[in-house]
Amino acid sequence: MATGKQLIEAGQTLFTEKPDFIRGVVDENQLPTKRLPEFAFAGRSNVGKSSLINALTGCPKLARASNTPGRTQEINFFEQKDHFFIVDLPGYGFAKAPEDKVQIWTRLIHDYLRGRPQLRRVFLLIDIRHGIKTVDENIMKMLDKAAVSYQIILTKADKVSETAAQKMQKTVAEIGAKHVACYPSVLITSADKKINIDILRAEFIKVLKGI
């Protein structure tokens, strides 16, 4: 069994090379056909998905980050050198876009999450300042029903005190424990301060190796 240090080192090696942007998908028919494991990042609009992906890969401009909710309007696929795809999903919930477009994104997200056999894990991002909302619970229930493994990642830890972060981690873990497909470990992160980015990389190694 690999030690924590070995997993972290393997995770660093895994992300040594820059991933390639493959395509932005607006329809199920456009999904990549290449059979690689997929890791999807999901969460409410403006939760920090793009920023966390950029920190994870070490590429500050890989995924487009914005202060405007709803800017990511496609399912964006990034390939990590024949190892796996990183999938940046459009934010769900509030978005500054026409309602019909939001409905299309939401349906696309649900169809992708329910029907992608190579999807190995969903990282469900939750803003540490706000916790799990009803719209997050709905996604969790849908993933439970589809038997898709997901892990809750708390973002923006630099915006709260360590005590507040630990309290939210405990609260979220208790909610997650009630969901059958939710991985039990809740990870606290900050893209800006690079908090636990090495641990997140190690999670990729654990999933790929079946640890």
N, C-alpha and C. Protein backbone atom coordinates (compact mmCIF):
# COMPACT_ATOMS: atom_id res chain seq x y z
N MET A 1 0.85 -1.20 0.00
CA MET A 1 0.00 0.00 0.00
C MET A 1 0.89 1.25 0.00
N ALA A 2 0.59 2.17 -0.92
CA ALA A 2 1.37 3.39 -1.01
C ALA A 2 1.12 4.28 0.21
N THR A 3 2.16 4.97 0.65
CA THR A 3 2.02 5.90 1.76
C THR A 3 1.46 7.22 1.24
N GLY A 4 1.04 8.08 2.19
CA GLY A 4 0.53 9.39 1.80
C GLY A 4 1.55 10.19 1.03
N LYS A 5 2.81 10.13 1.47
CA LYS A 5 3.88 10.86 0.79
C LYS A 5 4.07 10.35 -0.63
N GLN A 6 4.01 9.02 -0.81
CA GLN A 6 4.18 8.44 -2.14
C GLN A 6 3.03 8.85 -3.07
N LEU A 7 1.83 8.89 -2.52
CA LEU A 7 0.67 9.30 -3.32
C LEU A 7 0.80 10.75 -3.76
N ILE A 8 1.25 11.60 -2.85
CA ILE A 8 1.44 13.02 -3.17
C ILE A 8 2.50 13.18 -4.25
N GLU A 9 3.60 12.46 -4.11
CA GLU A 9 4.67 12.53 -5.11
C GLU A 9 4.19 12.03 -6.47
N ALA A 10 3.41 10.94 -6.46
CA ALA A 10 2.87 10.41 -7.71
C ALA A 10 1.90 11.39 -8.34
N GLY A 11 1.13 12.09 -7.49
CA GLY A 11 0.20 13.09 -7.99
C GLY A 11 0.92 14.26 -8.64
N GLN A 12 2.02 14.68 -8.04
CA GLN A 12 2.82 15.77 -8.61
C GLN A 12 3.37 15.36 -9.97
N THR A 13 3.85 14.12 -10.07
CA THR A 13 4.38 13.62 -11.33
C THR A 13 3.30 13.55 -12.40
N LEU A 14 2.11 13.13 -11.99
CA LEU A 14 1.00 12.98 -12.92
C LEU A 14 0.66 14.30 -13.61
N PHE A 15 0.83 15.39 -12.88
CA PHE A 15 0.47 16.71 -13.42
C PHE A 15 1.69 17.52 -13.86
N THR A 16 2.80 16.83 -14.12
CA THR A 16 4.00 17.54 -14.57
C THR A 16 3.78 18.18 -15.94
N GLU A 17 3.13 17.44 -16.83
CA GLU A 17 2.88 17.96 -18.17
C GLU A 17 1.57 18.74 -18.22
N LYS A 18 1.54 19.74 -19.06
CA LYS A 18 0.34 20.56 -19.22
C LYS A 18 -0.73 19.79 -19.98
N PRO A 19 -1.96 19.78 -19.47
CA PRO A 19 -3.05 19.13 -20.22
C PRO A 19 -3.43 19.94 -21.46
N ASP A 20 -4.08 19.28 -22.39
CA ASP A 20 -4.50 19.92 -23.63
C ASP A 20 -6.02 20.12 -23.62
N PHE A 21 -6.45 21.31 -24.05
CA PHE A 21 -7.88 21.54 -24.24
C PHE A 21 -8.33 20.76 -25.47
N ILE A 22 -9.36 19.92 -25.32
CA ILE A 22 -9.82 19.10 -26.43
C ILE A 22 -11.00 19.76 -27.13
N ARG A 23 -12.05 20.06 -26.37
CA ARG A 23 -13.22 20.70 -26.99
C ARG A 23 -14.20 21.17 -25.92
N GLY A 24 -15.06 22.10 -26.33
CA GLY A 24 -16.19 22.49 -25.51
C GLY A 24 -17.44 21.87 -26.09
N VAL A 25 -18.20 21.20 -25.27
CA VAL A 25 -19.35 20.41 -25.72
C VAL A 25 -20.65 21.09 -25.32
N VAL A 26 -21.54 21.26 -26.28
CA VAL A 26 -22.86 21.84 -25.99
C VAL A 26 -23.98 20.85 -26.27
N ASP A 27 -23.60 19.65 -26.75
CA ASP A 27 -24.59 18.62 -27.07
C ASP A 27 -23.96 17.26 -26.80
N GLU A 28 -24.77 16.31 -26.36
CA GLU A 28 -24.26 14.97 -26.05
C GLU A 28 -23.53 14.33 -27.22
N ASN A 29 -23.94 14.63 -28.43
CA ASN A 29 -23.33 14.03 -29.62
C ASN A 29 -21.89 14.48 -29.83
N GLN A 30 -21.48 15.54 -29.12
CA GLN A 30 -20.13 16.07 -29.28
C GLN A 30 -19.15 15.51 -28.24
N LEU A 31 -19.63 14.66 -27.34
CA LEU A 31 -18.75 14.13 -26.29
C LEU A 31 -17.61 13.33 -26.91
N PRO A 32 -16.38 13.46 -26.37
CA PRO A 32 -15.24 12.70 -26.90
C PRO A 32 -15.51 11.19 -26.89
N THR A 33 -15.05 10.54 -27.93
CA THR A 33 -15.22 9.09 -28.03
C THR A 33 -14.01 8.32 -27.51
N LYS A 34 -12.91 9.03 -27.29
CA LYS A 34 -11.71 8.39 -26.76
C LYS A 34 -11.99 7.84 -25.37
N ARG A 35 -11.70 6.56 -25.14
CA ARG A 35 -12.08 5.90 -23.89
C ARG A 35 -11.00 6.07 -22.83
N LEU A 36 -11.01 7.21 -22.19
CA LEU A 36 -10.12 7.49 -21.07
C LEU A 36 -10.96 7.71 -19.81
N PRO A 37 -10.41 7.42 -18.64
CA PRO A 37 -11.12 7.78 -17.40
C PRO A 37 -11.40 9.28 -17.38
N GLU A 38 -12.53 9.65 -16.78
CA GLU A 38 -12.90 11.06 -16.69
C GLU A 38 -13.13 11.47 -15.24
N PHE A 39 -12.66 12.67 -14.93
CA PHE A 39 -12.85 13.28 -13.61
C PHE A 39 -13.56 14.60 -13.85
N ALA A 40 -14.78 14.72 -13.33
CA ALA A 40 -15.58 15.91 -13.60
C ALA A 40 -15.63 16.82 -12.38
N PHE A 41 -15.60 18.12 -12.62
CA PHE A 41 -15.73 19.14 -11.58
C PHE A 41 -17.09 19.81 -11.74
N ALA A 42 -17.92 19.67 -10.70
CA ALA A 42 -19.28 20.21 -10.73
C ALA A 42 -19.48 21.13 -9.53
N GLY A 43 -20.44 22.04 -9.65
CA GLY A 43 -20.73 22.93 -8.53
C GLY A 43 -21.58 24.10 -8.97
N ARG A 44 -22.08 24.85 -7.99
CA ARG A 44 -22.89 26.02 -8.30
C ARG A 44 -22.06 27.06 -9.06
N SER A 45 -22.75 27.93 -9.75
CA SER A 45 -22.07 29.01 -10.47
C SER A 45 -21.21 29.82 -9.51
N ASN A 46 -20.01 30.12 -9.94
CA ASN A 46 -19.07 30.96 -9.19
C ASN A 46 -18.51 30.29 -7.94
N VAL A 47 -18.52 28.95 -7.90
CA VAL A 47 -17.98 28.23 -6.76
C VAL A 47 -16.45 28.11 -6.84
N GLY A 48 -15.90 28.35 -8.02
CA GLY A 48 -14.45 28.32 -8.18
C GLY A 48 -13.93 27.10 -8.91
N LYS A 49 -14.75 26.51 -9.79
CA LYS A 49 -14.31 25.31 -10.52
C LYS A 49 -13.10 25.59 -11.40
N SER A 50 -13.19 26.62 -12.22
CA SER A 50 -12.10 26.91 -13.15
C SER A 50 -10.80 27.24 -12.40
N SER A 51 -10.92 28.02 -11.33
CA SER A 51 -9.73 28.38 -10.55
C SER A 51 -9.09 27.15 -9.93
N LEU A 52 -9.91 26.21 -9.45
CA LEU A 52 -9.36 25.01 -8.84
C LEU A 52 -8.70 24.11 -9.89
N ILE A 53 -9.31 24.01 -11.05
CA ILE A 53 -8.70 23.23 -12.14
C ILE A 53 -7.36 23.83 -12.53
N ASN A 54 -7.29 25.15 -12.61
CA ASN A 54 -6.03 25.81 -12.95
C ASN A 54 -4.96 25.55 -11.90
N ALA A 55 -5.35 25.58 -10.63
CA ALA A 55 -4.39 25.31 -9.55
C ALA A 55 -3.96 23.85 -9.58
N LEU A 56 -4.90 22.96 -9.83
CA LEU A 56 -4.63 21.52 -9.88
C LEU A 56 -3.59 21.20 -10.95
N THR A 57 -3.76 21.78 -12.13
CA THR A 57 -2.90 21.47 -13.27
C THR A 57 -1.64 22.33 -13.31
N GLY A 58 -1.62 23.40 -12.50
CA GLY A 58 -0.48 24.31 -12.53
C GLY A 58 -0.47 25.19 -13.76
N CYS A 59 -1.63 25.34 -14.39
CA CYS A 59 -1.75 26.15 -15.60
C CYS A 59 -2.75 27.28 -15.35
N PRO A 60 -2.28 28.47 -15.00
CA PRO A 60 -3.16 29.55 -14.56
C PRO A 60 -4.23 29.96 -15.56
N LYS A 61 -4.02 29.70 -16.85
CA LYS A 61 -4.98 30.15 -17.86
C LYS A 61 -5.66 29.00 -18.59
N LEU A 62 -5.57 27.80 -18.03
CA LEU A 62 -6.14 26.63 -18.72
C LEU A 62 -7.66 26.74 -18.82
N ALA A 63 -8.32 26.81 -17.67
CA ALA A 63 -9.78 26.98 -17.64
C ALA A 63 -10.08 28.45 -17.39
N ARG A 64 -11.08 28.96 -18.07
CA ARG A 64 -11.41 30.38 -17.94
C ARG A 64 -12.10 30.65 -16.62
N ALA A 65 -11.46 31.45 -15.79
CA ALA A 65 -12.06 31.83 -14.51
C ALA A 65 -12.66 33.23 -14.64
N SER A 66 -13.77 33.44 -13.96
CA SER A 66 -14.46 34.73 -14.05
C SER A 66 -15.22 35.00 -12.76
N ASN A 67 -15.38 36.28 -12.45
CA ASN A 67 -16.22 36.66 -11.31
C ASN A 67 -17.70 36.69 -11.69
N THR A 68 -17.98 36.49 -12.97
CA THR A 68 -19.35 36.51 -13.44
C THR A 68 -19.93 35.10 -13.44
N PRO A 69 -20.94 34.82 -12.62
CA PRO A 69 -21.54 33.49 -12.60
C PRO A 69 -22.09 33.11 -13.97
N GLY A 70 -21.87 31.84 -14.35
CA GLY A 70 -22.43 31.36 -15.60
C GLY A 70 -21.57 31.57 -16.82
N ARG A 71 -20.30 31.95 -16.64
CA ARG A 71 -19.47 32.19 -17.82
C ARG A 71 -19.15 30.88 -18.55
N THR A 72 -18.90 29.81 -17.80
CA THR A 72 -18.65 28.52 -18.43
C THR A 72 -19.97 27.97 -18.94
N GLN A 73 -20.13 27.96 -20.25
CA GLN A 73 -21.42 27.60 -20.85
C GLN A 73 -21.35 26.29 -21.62
N GLU A 74 -20.24 25.58 -21.53
CA GLU A 74 -20.06 24.32 -22.22
C GLU A 74 -19.46 23.31 -21.24
N ILE A 75 -19.50 22.04 -21.60
CA ILE A 75 -18.71 21.04 -20.89
C ILE A 75 -17.34 21.03 -21.54
N ASN A 76 -16.34 21.50 -20.82
CA ASN A 76 -15.00 21.62 -21.38
C ASN A 76 -14.15 20.41 -21.01
N PHE A 77 -13.52 19.80 -22.01
CA PHE A 77 -12.69 18.61 -21.81
C PHE A 77 -11.21 18.95 -21.98
N PHE A 78 -10.41 18.54 -21.01
CA PHE A 78 -8.97 18.71 -21.05
C PHE A 78 -8.33 17.33 -20.89
N GLU A 79 -7.42 16.99 -21.79
CA GLU A 79 -6.79 15.67 -21.74
C GLU A 79 -5.42 15.74 -21.08
N GLN A 80 -5.21 14.89 -20.09
CA GLN A 80 -3.92 14.81 -19.41
C GLN A 80 -3.10 13.68 -20.02
N LYS A 81 -2.55 13.94 -21.20
CA LYS A 81 -1.57 13.09 -21.86
C LYS A 81 -1.90 11.60 -21.84
N ASP A 82 -3.02 11.22 -22.43
CA ASP A 82 -3.43 9.83 -22.56
C ASP A 82 -3.73 9.14 -21.23
N HIS A 83 -3.77 9.90 -20.13
CA HIS A 83 -4.08 9.30 -18.83
C HIS A 83 -5.56 9.41 -18.50
N PHE A 84 -6.12 10.62 -18.67
CA PHE A 84 -7.52 10.85 -18.31
C PHE A 84 -7.96 12.20 -18.85
N PHE A 85 -9.29 12.43 -18.78
CA PHE A 85 -9.86 13.73 -19.09
C PHE A 85 -10.23 14.43 -17.79
N ILE A 86 -9.96 15.73 -17.72
CA ILE A 86 -10.54 16.61 -16.71
C ILE A 86 -11.73 17.29 -17.37
N VAL A 87 -12.87 17.26 -16.71
CA VAL A 87 -14.10 17.77 -17.30
C VAL A 87 -14.63 18.92 -16.44
N ASP A 88 -14.68 20.10 -17.04
CA ASP A 88 -15.16 21.31 -16.37
C ASP A 88 -16.61 21.52 -16.78
N LEU A 89 -17.53 21.27 -15.84
CA LEU A 89 -18.95 21.38 -16.13
C LEU A 89 -19.46 22.81 -15.93
N PRO A 90 -20.48 23.22 -16.68
CA PRO A 90 -21.08 24.53 -16.43
C PRO A 90 -21.63 24.60 -15.01
N GLY A 91 -21.53 25.76 -14.39
CA GLY A 91 -22.08 25.93 -13.06
C GLY A 91 -23.60 25.80 -13.08
N TYR A 92 -24.14 25.12 -12.08
CA TYR A 92 -25.59 25.01 -11.99
C TYR A 92 -26.12 26.02 -10.97
N GLY A 93 -27.43 26.21 -10.98
CA GLY A 93 -28.00 27.22 -10.10
C GLY A 93 -28.02 28.57 -10.78
N PHE A 94 -27.78 29.62 -10.01
CA PHE A 94 -27.83 30.99 -10.53
C PHE A 94 -26.81 31.21 -11.63
N ALA A 95 -27.22 31.84 -12.71
CA ALA A 95 -26.30 32.22 -13.77
C ALA A 95 -26.87 33.44 -14.50
N LYS A 96 -25.98 34.35 -14.89
CA LYS A 96 -26.40 35.53 -15.64
C LYS A 96 -26.52 35.17 -17.11
N ALA A 97 -27.60 34.49 -17.42
CA ALA A 97 -27.86 34.05 -18.79
C ALA A 97 -29.36 33.86 -18.95
N PRO A 98 -29.85 33.87 -20.20
CA PRO A 98 -31.28 33.64 -20.43
C PRO A 98 -31.71 32.29 -19.85
N GLU A 99 -32.94 32.24 -19.36
CA GLU A 99 -33.43 31.04 -18.67
C GLU A 99 -33.39 29.81 -19.58
N ASP A 100 -33.69 29.98 -20.87
CA ASP A 100 -33.68 28.82 -21.76
C ASP A 100 -32.28 28.22 -21.89
N LYS A 101 -31.26 29.10 -21.89
CA LYS A 101 -29.88 28.60 -21.95
C LYS A 101 -29.52 27.86 -20.68
N VAL A 102 -29.92 28.39 -19.54
CA VAL A 102 -29.63 27.74 -18.27
C VAL A 102 -30.27 26.36 -18.23
N GLN A 103 -31.48 26.24 -18.74
CA GLN A 103 -32.16 24.95 -18.78
C GLN A 103 -31.42 23.96 -19.66
N ILE A 104 -30.89 24.44 -20.77
CA ILE A 104 -30.12 23.57 -21.67
C ILE A 104 -28.86 23.08 -20.98
N TRP A 105 -28.13 24.00 -20.30
CA TRP A 105 -26.92 23.59 -19.59
C TRP A 105 -27.26 22.56 -18.53
N THR A 106 -28.33 22.83 -17.77
CA THR A 106 -28.71 21.94 -16.68
C THR A 106 -29.03 20.54 -17.20
N ARG A 107 -29.78 20.47 -18.29
CA ARG A 107 -30.13 19.18 -18.89
C ARG A 107 -28.87 18.48 -19.39
N LEU A 108 -27.96 19.22 -19.99
CA LEU A 108 -26.71 18.65 -20.50
C LEU A 108 -25.87 18.08 -19.35
N ILE A 109 -25.77 18.83 -18.25
CA ILE A 109 -25.03 18.36 -17.08
C ILE A 109 -25.63 17.05 -16.55
N HIS A 110 -26.94 17.03 -16.40
CA HIS A 110 -27.61 15.83 -15.87
C HIS A 110 -27.41 14.64 -16.80
N ASP A 111 -27.54 14.85 -18.11
CA ASP A 111 -27.38 13.76 -19.07
C ASP A 111 -25.95 13.22 -19.02
N TYR A 112 -24.99 14.13 -18.93
CA TYR A 112 -23.59 13.69 -18.87
C TYR A 112 -23.33 12.89 -17.59
N LEU A 113 -23.75 13.41 -16.46
CA LEU A 113 -23.46 12.76 -15.18
C LEU A 113 -24.15 11.40 -15.06
N ARG A 114 -25.31 11.26 -15.68
CA ARG A 114 -26.06 10.00 -15.57
C ARG A 114 -25.57 8.94 -16.55
N GLY A 115 -25.00 9.35 -17.67
CA GLY A 115 -24.80 8.38 -18.75
C GLY A 115 -23.39 8.24 -19.27
N ARG A 116 -22.39 8.46 -18.43
CA ARG A 116 -21.00 8.41 -18.89
C ARG A 116 -20.26 7.29 -18.15
N PRO A 117 -20.16 6.09 -18.73
CA PRO A 117 -19.57 4.96 -18.00
C PRO A 117 -18.11 5.14 -17.62
N GLN A 118 -17.35 5.95 -18.37
CA GLN A 118 -15.94 6.16 -18.05
C GLN A 118 -15.72 7.25 -17.00
N LEU A 119 -16.80 7.82 -16.50
CA LEU A 119 -16.70 8.84 -15.46
C LEU A 119 -16.32 8.16 -14.14
N ARG A 120 -15.11 8.39 -13.68
CA ARG A 120 -14.59 7.69 -12.52
C ARG A 120 -14.93 8.39 -11.21
N ARG A 121 -14.94 9.71 -11.23
CA ARG A 121 -15.32 10.44 -10.03
C ARG A 121 -15.76 11.86 -10.39
N VAL A 122 -16.75 12.32 -9.65
CA VAL A 122 -17.16 13.71 -9.73
C VAL A 122 -16.66 14.41 -8.47
N PHE A 123 -15.98 15.52 -8.67
CA PHE A 123 -15.60 16.38 -7.54
C PHE A 123 -16.68 17.45 -7.44
N LEU A 124 -17.47 17.36 -6.38
CA LEU A 124 -18.57 18.29 -6.17
C LEU A 124 -18.08 19.44 -5.31
N LEU A 125 -17.97 20.61 -5.91
CA LEU A 125 -17.39 21.76 -5.23
C LEU A 125 -18.46 22.54 -4.47
N ILE A 126 -18.14 22.85 -3.22
CA ILE A 126 -19.04 23.60 -2.34
C ILE A 126 -18.26 24.77 -1.76
N ASP A 127 -18.80 25.97 -1.89
CA ASP A 127 -18.18 27.15 -1.30
C ASP A 127 -18.20 27.02 0.22
N ILE A 128 -17.04 27.04 0.83
CA ILE A 128 -16.92 26.79 2.27
C ILE A 128 -17.66 27.85 3.10
N ARG A 129 -17.94 29.00 2.52
CA ARG A 129 -18.64 30.06 3.24
C ARG A 129 -20.15 29.81 3.30
N HIS A 130 -20.67 28.99 2.39
CA HIS A 130 -22.11 28.85 2.26
C HIS A 130 -22.63 27.44 2.52
N GLY A 131 -21.78 26.43 2.37
CA GLY A 131 -22.21 25.07 2.63
C GLY A 131 -23.11 24.50 1.54
N ILE A 132 -23.71 23.35 1.84
CA ILE A 132 -24.55 22.64 0.87
C ILE A 132 -25.94 23.28 0.81
N LYS A 133 -26.36 23.62 -0.40
CA LYS A 133 -27.68 24.21 -0.63
C LYS A 133 -28.60 23.15 -1.27
N THR A 134 -29.86 23.49 -1.40
CA THR A 134 -30.84 22.55 -1.97
C THR A 134 -30.44 22.09 -3.36
N VAL A 135 -29.93 23.00 -4.17
CA VAL A 135 -29.54 22.63 -5.54
C VAL A 135 -28.38 21.64 -5.52
N ASP A 136 -27.49 21.73 -4.53
CA ASP A 136 -26.41 20.75 -4.38
C ASP A 136 -26.97 19.39 -3.98
N GLU A 137 -27.90 19.42 -3.03
CA GLU A 137 -28.54 18.17 -2.58
C GLU A 137 -29.22 17.46 -3.76
N ASN A 138 -29.82 18.22 -4.65
CA ASN A 138 -30.48 17.61 -5.80
C ASN A 138 -29.47 16.89 -6.70
N ILE A 139 -28.33 17.51 -6.90
CA ILE A 139 -27.27 16.87 -7.70
C ILE A 139 -26.78 15.61 -6.98
N MET A 140 -26.61 15.69 -5.66
CA MET A 140 -26.14 14.54 -4.88
C MET A 140 -27.12 13.38 -4.99
N LYS A 141 -28.41 13.66 -4.91
CA LYS A 141 -29.42 12.61 -5.02
C LYS A 141 -29.39 11.98 -6.41
N MET A 142 -29.20 12.82 -7.43
CA MET A 142 -29.13 12.30 -8.79
C MET A 142 -27.91 11.39 -8.97
N LEU A 143 -26.76 11.80 -8.40
CA LEU A 143 -25.55 10.98 -8.48
C LEU A 143 -25.70 9.69 -7.70
N ASP A 144 -26.37 9.76 -6.55
CA ASP A 144 -26.66 8.54 -5.78
C ASP A 144 -27.46 7.55 -6.64
N LYS A 145 -28.50 8.06 -7.27
CA LYS A 145 -29.39 7.22 -8.07
C LYS A 145 -28.65 6.61 -9.26
N ALA A 146 -27.72 7.38 -9.85
CA ALA A 146 -26.95 6.90 -11.00
C ALA A 146 -25.74 6.07 -10.58
N ALA A 147 -25.50 5.95 -9.26
CA ALA A 147 -24.36 5.20 -8.72
C ALA A 147 -23.03 5.75 -9.24
N VAL A 148 -22.92 7.08 -9.31
CA VAL A 148 -21.69 7.75 -9.72
C VAL A 148 -20.96 8.23 -8.47
N SER A 149 -19.73 7.77 -8.27
CA SER A 149 -18.96 8.16 -7.09
C SER A 149 -18.61 9.65 -7.15
N TYR A 150 -18.83 10.34 -6.04
CA TYR A 150 -18.47 11.76 -6.00
C TYR A 150 -17.85 12.12 -4.65
N GLN A 151 -17.00 13.13 -4.68
CA GLN A 151 -16.32 13.60 -3.48
C GLN A 151 -16.56 15.09 -3.33
N ILE A 152 -16.91 15.50 -2.13
CA ILE A 152 -17.14 16.92 -1.87
C ILE A 152 -15.83 17.64 -1.61
N ILE A 153 -15.63 18.73 -2.33
CA ILE A 153 -14.44 19.58 -2.19
C ILE A 153 -14.91 20.96 -1.74
N LEU A 154 -14.47 21.38 -0.58
CA LEU A 154 -14.79 22.73 -0.11
C LEU A 154 -13.79 23.72 -0.69
N THR A 155 -14.29 24.76 -1.34
CA THR A 155 -13.43 25.74 -2.00
C THR A 155 -13.34 27.04 -1.19
N LYS A 156 -12.37 27.87 -1.54
CA LYS A 156 -12.21 29.22 -1.00
C LYS A 156 -11.94 29.23 0.51
N ALA A 157 -11.13 28.26 0.97
CA ALA A 157 -10.82 28.15 2.40
C ALA A 157 -10.07 29.36 2.93
N ASP A 158 -9.41 30.11 2.04
CA ASP A 158 -8.68 31.30 2.47
C ASP A 158 -9.63 32.44 2.88
N LYS A 159 -10.92 32.26 2.61
CA LYS A 159 -11.90 33.31 2.92
C LYS A 159 -12.48 33.18 4.32
N VAL A 160 -12.15 32.09 5.05
CA VAL A 160 -12.71 31.87 6.38
C VAL A 160 -11.58 31.49 7.35
N SER A 161 -11.89 31.52 8.63
CA SER A 161 -10.91 31.10 9.63
C SER A 161 -10.75 29.58 9.61
N GLU A 162 -9.67 29.11 10.20
CA GLU A 162 -9.44 27.66 10.26
C GLU A 162 -10.54 26.97 11.07
N THR A 163 -10.99 27.63 12.14
CA THR A 163 -12.07 27.06 12.97
C THR A 163 -13.35 26.93 12.17
N ALA A 164 -13.69 27.98 11.43
CA ALA A 164 -14.90 27.96 10.61
C ALA A 164 -14.80 26.89 9.52
N ALA A 165 -13.60 26.74 8.94
CA ALA A 165 -13.39 25.74 7.89
C ALA A 165 -13.60 24.33 8.43
N GLN A 166 -13.05 24.06 9.60
CA GLN A 166 -13.19 22.73 10.20
C GLN A 166 -14.64 22.44 10.59
N LYS A 167 -15.34 23.47 11.06
CA LYS A 167 -16.74 23.30 11.43
C LYS A 167 -17.58 22.96 10.20
N MET A 168 -17.33 23.67 9.09
CA MET A 168 -18.07 23.40 7.86
C MET A 168 -17.70 22.02 7.31
N GLN A 169 -16.44 21.64 7.41
CA GLN A 169 -16.02 20.32 6.95
C GLN A 169 -16.81 19.22 7.68
N LYS A 170 -16.96 19.37 9.00
CA LYS A 170 -17.70 18.39 9.80
C LYS A 170 -19.18 18.37 9.39
N THR A 171 -19.76 19.54 9.22
CA THR A 171 -21.18 19.63 8.84
C THR A 171 -21.44 18.98 7.49
N VAL A 172 -20.58 19.29 6.54
CA VAL A 172 -20.74 18.75 5.19
C VAL A 172 -20.52 17.23 5.19
N ALA A 173 -19.54 16.77 5.96
CA ALA A 173 -19.28 15.33 6.03
C ALA A 173 -20.49 14.58 6.59
N GLU A 174 -21.17 15.18 7.56
CA GLU A 174 -22.36 14.56 8.14
C GLU A 174 -23.49 14.45 7.11
N ILE A 175 -23.62 15.48 6.28
CA ILE A 175 -24.63 15.44 5.22
C ILE A 175 -24.23 14.39 4.18
N GLY A 176 -22.96 14.40 3.80
CA GLY A 176 -22.47 13.45 2.80
C GLY A 176 -22.64 12.00 3.23
N ALA A 177 -22.53 11.74 4.52
CA ALA A 177 -22.65 10.38 5.03
C ALA A 177 -24.04 9.79 4.80
N LYS A 178 -25.01 10.64 4.53
CA LYS A 178 -26.39 10.18 4.28
C LYS A 178 -26.61 9.82 2.80
N HIS A 179 -25.58 10.01 1.98
CA HIS A 179 -25.70 9.76 0.55
C HIS A 179 -24.80 8.58 0.16
N VAL A 180 -25.39 7.60 -0.51
CA VAL A 180 -24.71 6.33 -0.74
C VAL A 180 -23.51 6.43 -1.68
N ALA A 181 -23.52 7.37 -2.63
CA ALA A 181 -22.43 7.46 -3.60
C ALA A 181 -21.37 8.48 -3.21
N CYS A 182 -21.55 9.13 -2.06
CA CYS A 182 -20.62 10.19 -1.64
C CYS A 182 -19.40 9.59 -0.96
N TYR A 183 -18.23 9.90 -1.46
CA TYR A 183 -16.98 9.46 -0.85
C TYR A 183 -16.84 10.12 0.52
N PRO A 184 -16.41 9.37 1.54
CA PRO A 184 -16.48 9.90 2.91
C PRO A 184 -15.52 11.04 3.25
N SER A 185 -14.45 11.21 2.49
CA SER A 185 -13.47 12.25 2.81
C SER A 185 -13.84 13.58 2.17
N VAL A 186 -14.02 14.62 2.99
CA VAL A 186 -14.31 15.97 2.50
C VAL A 186 -13.02 16.78 2.54
N LEU A 187 -12.63 17.32 1.40
CA LEU A 187 -11.35 18.01 1.29
C LEU A 187 -11.53 19.52 1.30
N ILE A 188 -10.77 20.21 2.14
CA ILE A 188 -10.75 21.67 2.21
C ILE A 188 -9.67 22.18 1.26
N THR A 189 -10.01 23.14 0.39
CA THR A 189 -9.04 23.65 -0.57
C THR A 189 -9.12 25.17 -0.71
N SER A 190 -8.07 25.71 -1.28
CA SER A 190 -8.06 27.10 -1.75
C SER A 190 -7.19 27.16 -2.99
N ALA A 191 -7.78 27.57 -4.10
CA ALA A 191 -7.01 27.72 -5.33
C ALA A 191 -6.00 28.85 -5.21
N ASP A 192 -6.41 29.96 -4.58
CA ASP A 192 -5.53 31.12 -4.47
C ASP A 192 -4.31 30.84 -3.60
N LYS A 193 -4.51 30.14 -2.49
CA LYS A 193 -3.42 29.87 -1.55
C LYS A 193 -2.81 28.48 -1.73
N LYS A 194 -3.31 27.74 -2.73
CA LYS A 194 -2.81 26.39 -3.04
C LYS A 194 -2.95 25.45 -1.85
N ILE A 195 -4.01 25.61 -1.09
CA ILE A 195 -4.24 24.76 0.08
C ILE A 195 -4.75 23.40 -0.38
N ASN A 196 -4.03 22.35 -0.01
CA ASN A 196 -4.39 20.95 -0.27
C ASN A 196 -4.52 20.59 -1.74
N ILE A 197 -3.88 21.35 -2.62
CA ILE A 197 -3.87 20.99 -4.03
C ILE A 197 -3.12 19.68 -4.23
N ASP A 198 -2.04 19.47 -3.45
CA ASP A 198 -1.28 18.22 -3.53
C ASP A 198 -2.13 17.02 -3.10
N ILE A 199 -2.99 17.23 -2.12
CA ILE A 199 -3.88 16.16 -1.67
C ILE A 199 -4.91 15.84 -2.75
N LEU A 200 -5.42 16.86 -3.42
CA LEU A 200 -6.37 16.65 -4.50
C LEU A 200 -5.72 15.86 -5.64
N ARG A 201 -4.49 16.19 -5.97
CA ARG A 201 -3.77 15.43 -7.00
C ARG A 201 -3.62 13.98 -6.59
N ALA A 202 -3.34 13.75 -5.32
CA ALA A 202 -3.19 12.38 -4.82
C ALA A 202 -4.49 11.59 -4.96
N GLU A 203 -5.64 12.29 -4.88
CA GLU A 203 -6.93 11.62 -5.05
C GLU A 203 -7.04 11.02 -6.45
N PHE A 204 -6.50 11.70 -7.45
CA PHE A 204 -6.50 11.15 -8.80
C PHE A 204 -5.74 9.82 -8.84
N ILE A 205 -4.59 9.79 -8.19
CA ILE A 205 -3.79 8.57 -8.16
C ILE A 205 -4.57 7.44 -7.49
N LYS A 206 -5.23 7.73 -6.38
CA LYS A 206 -5.99 6.72 -5.65
C LYS A 206 -7.11 6.14 -6.51
N VAL A 207 -7.81 7.00 -7.23
CA VAL A 207 -8.90 6.53 -8.08
C VAL A 207 -8.36 5.70 -9.24
N LEU A 208 -7.32 6.19 -9.90
CA LEU A 208 -6.76 5.49 -11.06
C LEU A 208 -6.18 4.13 -10.69
N LYS A 209 -5.63 4.03 -9.50
CA LYS A 209 -5.03 2.77 -9.04
C LYS A 209 -6.01 1.91 -8.25
N GLY A 210 -7.21 2.44 -8.03
CA GLY A 210 -8.20 1.67 -7.29
C GLY A 210 -7.87 1.47 -5.83
N ILE A 211 -7.20 2.47 -5.24
CA ILE A 211 -6.79 2.37 -3.82
C ILE A 211 -7.95 2.80 -2.92
